[in-house]
Protein backbone atom coordinates (compact mmCIF):
# COMPACT_ATOMS: atom_id res chain seq x y z
CA MET A 1 15.70 53.68 -14.51
CA ILE A 2 12.08 52.44 -13.47
CA GLN A 3 9.39 52.19 -15.94
CA SER A 4 5.61 51.77 -15.20
CA ILE A 5 3.27 49.69 -16.71
CA THR A 6 -0.30 50.27 -16.77
CA LEU A 7 -2.45 47.11 -16.81
CA THR A 8 -6.11 46.20 -16.55
CA THR A 9 -7.06 43.43 -13.92
CA ASN A 10 -8.22 41.24 -17.04
CA GLU A 11 -4.67 41.79 -18.77
CA LEU A 12 -2.91 40.91 -15.29
CA ASP A 13 -5.20 37.91 -14.98
CA VAL A 14 -4.48 36.67 -18.81
CA ILE A 15 -0.57 37.06 -18.19
CA ILE A 16 -0.66 35.09 -15.02
CA ASN A 17 -2.84 32.40 -16.45
CA ARG A 18 -0.45 32.18 -19.45
CA SER A 19 2.69 32.05 -17.07
CA ILE A 20 0.84 29.03 -14.85
CA SER A 21 -0.08 27.29 -17.98
CA SER A 22 3.40 27.14 -19.40
CA ALA A 23 4.90 26.09 -16.11
CA LEU A 24 2.38 23.33 -15.82
CA GLU A 25 3.26 22.03 -19.29
CA HIS A 26 6.89 21.91 -18.55
CA LEU A 27 6.06 19.88 -15.46
CA LYS A 28 3.55 17.43 -17.16
CA PRO A 29 5.80 15.43 -19.07
CA SER A 30 8.04 14.46 -15.95
CA THR A 31 5.24 13.49 -14.06
CA GLU A 32 3.77 11.32 -16.60
CA GLN A 33 7.16 9.44 -17.02
CA LYS A 34 7.19 8.33 -13.17
CA GLU A 35 5.48 4.91 -12.41
CA VAL A 36 3.78 4.65 -9.21
CA LYS A 37 4.88 1.62 -7.42
CA PRO A 38 2.47 0.18 -4.72
CA GLU A 39 3.73 0.12 -1.34
CA THR A 40 5.15 -3.23 -0.35
CA GLU A 41 3.22 -5.02 2.35
CA TYR A 42 4.93 -6.65 4.89
CA LEU A 43 3.79 -9.83 7.05
CA THR A 44 4.93 -10.78 10.52
CA ARG A 45 6.59 -14.09 11.50
CA LYS A 46 3.22 -15.47 12.78
CA GLU A 47 1.27 -14.30 9.65
CA THR A 48 3.81 -15.86 7.36
CA ALA A 49 3.70 -19.18 9.15
CA LYS A 50 0.22 -19.51 9.37
CA LEU A 51 -0.08 -18.60 5.74
CA LEU A 52 2.16 -21.22 5.17
CA ARG A 53 0.87 -23.51 7.27
CA ILE A 54 4.12 -24.31 8.99
CA SER A 55 5.80 -23.72 12.20
CA LEU A 56 8.03 -20.60 13.38
CA THR A 57 10.87 -22.98 13.59
CA THR A 58 10.60 -24.25 9.93
CA LEU A 59 9.86 -20.82 8.77
CA ASN A 60 12.94 -19.60 10.40
CA ASP A 61 14.88 -22.63 9.23
CA TRP A 62 13.57 -21.88 5.44
CA SER A 63 14.36 -18.31 6.07
CA LYS A 64 18.17 -19.55 6.62
CA LYS A 65 18.12 -21.92 3.79
CA GLY A 66 17.12 -19.25 1.41
CA ILE A 67 13.84 -20.88 0.59
CA VAL A 68 11.73 -17.68 1.81
CA ASN A 69 13.56 -14.29 2.10
CA ALA A 70 13.13 -12.66 5.40
CA TYR A 71 13.78 -8.71 5.75
CA ARG A 72 14.92 -7.20 8.68
CA ILE A 73 13.59 -3.94 9.37
CA GLY A 74 14.96 -2.59 12.70
CA THR A 75 14.87 -5.23 15.25
CA ARG A 76 11.72 -7.47 13.43
CA VAL A 77 11.91 -9.82 10.87
CA ARG A 78 9.34 -9.45 7.89
CA PHE A 79 8.26 -11.20 4.97
CA LYS A 80 7.21 -9.22 1.86
CA SER A 81 3.71 -10.50 0.81
CA ASN A 82 3.86 -10.75 -2.58
CA GLN A 83 6.90 -13.04 -2.43
CA ILE A 84 5.07 -15.28 -0.10
CA ASN A 85 1.85 -15.57 -2.30
CA ASP A 86 4.55 -16.19 -5.42
CA PHE A 87 5.96 -18.96 -3.37
CA LEU A 88 2.72 -20.50 -2.49
CA ILE A 89 1.59 -20.60 -6.12
CA SER A 90 5.05 -22.30 -6.87
CA LEU A 91 4.36 -24.88 -4.44
CA ASN A 92 0.94 -25.23 -5.88
CA SER A 93 2.00 -25.54 -9.13
CA ALA A 94 4.80 -28.06 -8.41
CA THR A 95 2.41 -30.21 -6.36
CA ASN A 96 -0.25 -30.31 -9.13
CA ASP A 97 2.29 -31.40 -11.96
């Protein structure tokens, strides 16, 4: 059995707006809970060595010893800029003490 409903354009507009508003309200809490993490900036070996004022050989040695953390991305080695900055801060505070 098919029923026919007659609506004006205004009534249809109200129904659609309420439906959309209701759907958006259900989505709102889940989007507010998600934290947006900033993208990590990676430095090349040369950039990192220059920033630390050391040679590439020393950087390689420090990486092997775990003094600085290196990350392999594909075939390339990269360093997280925030970790290098934290390392520089810890070096500066150690030398000032």
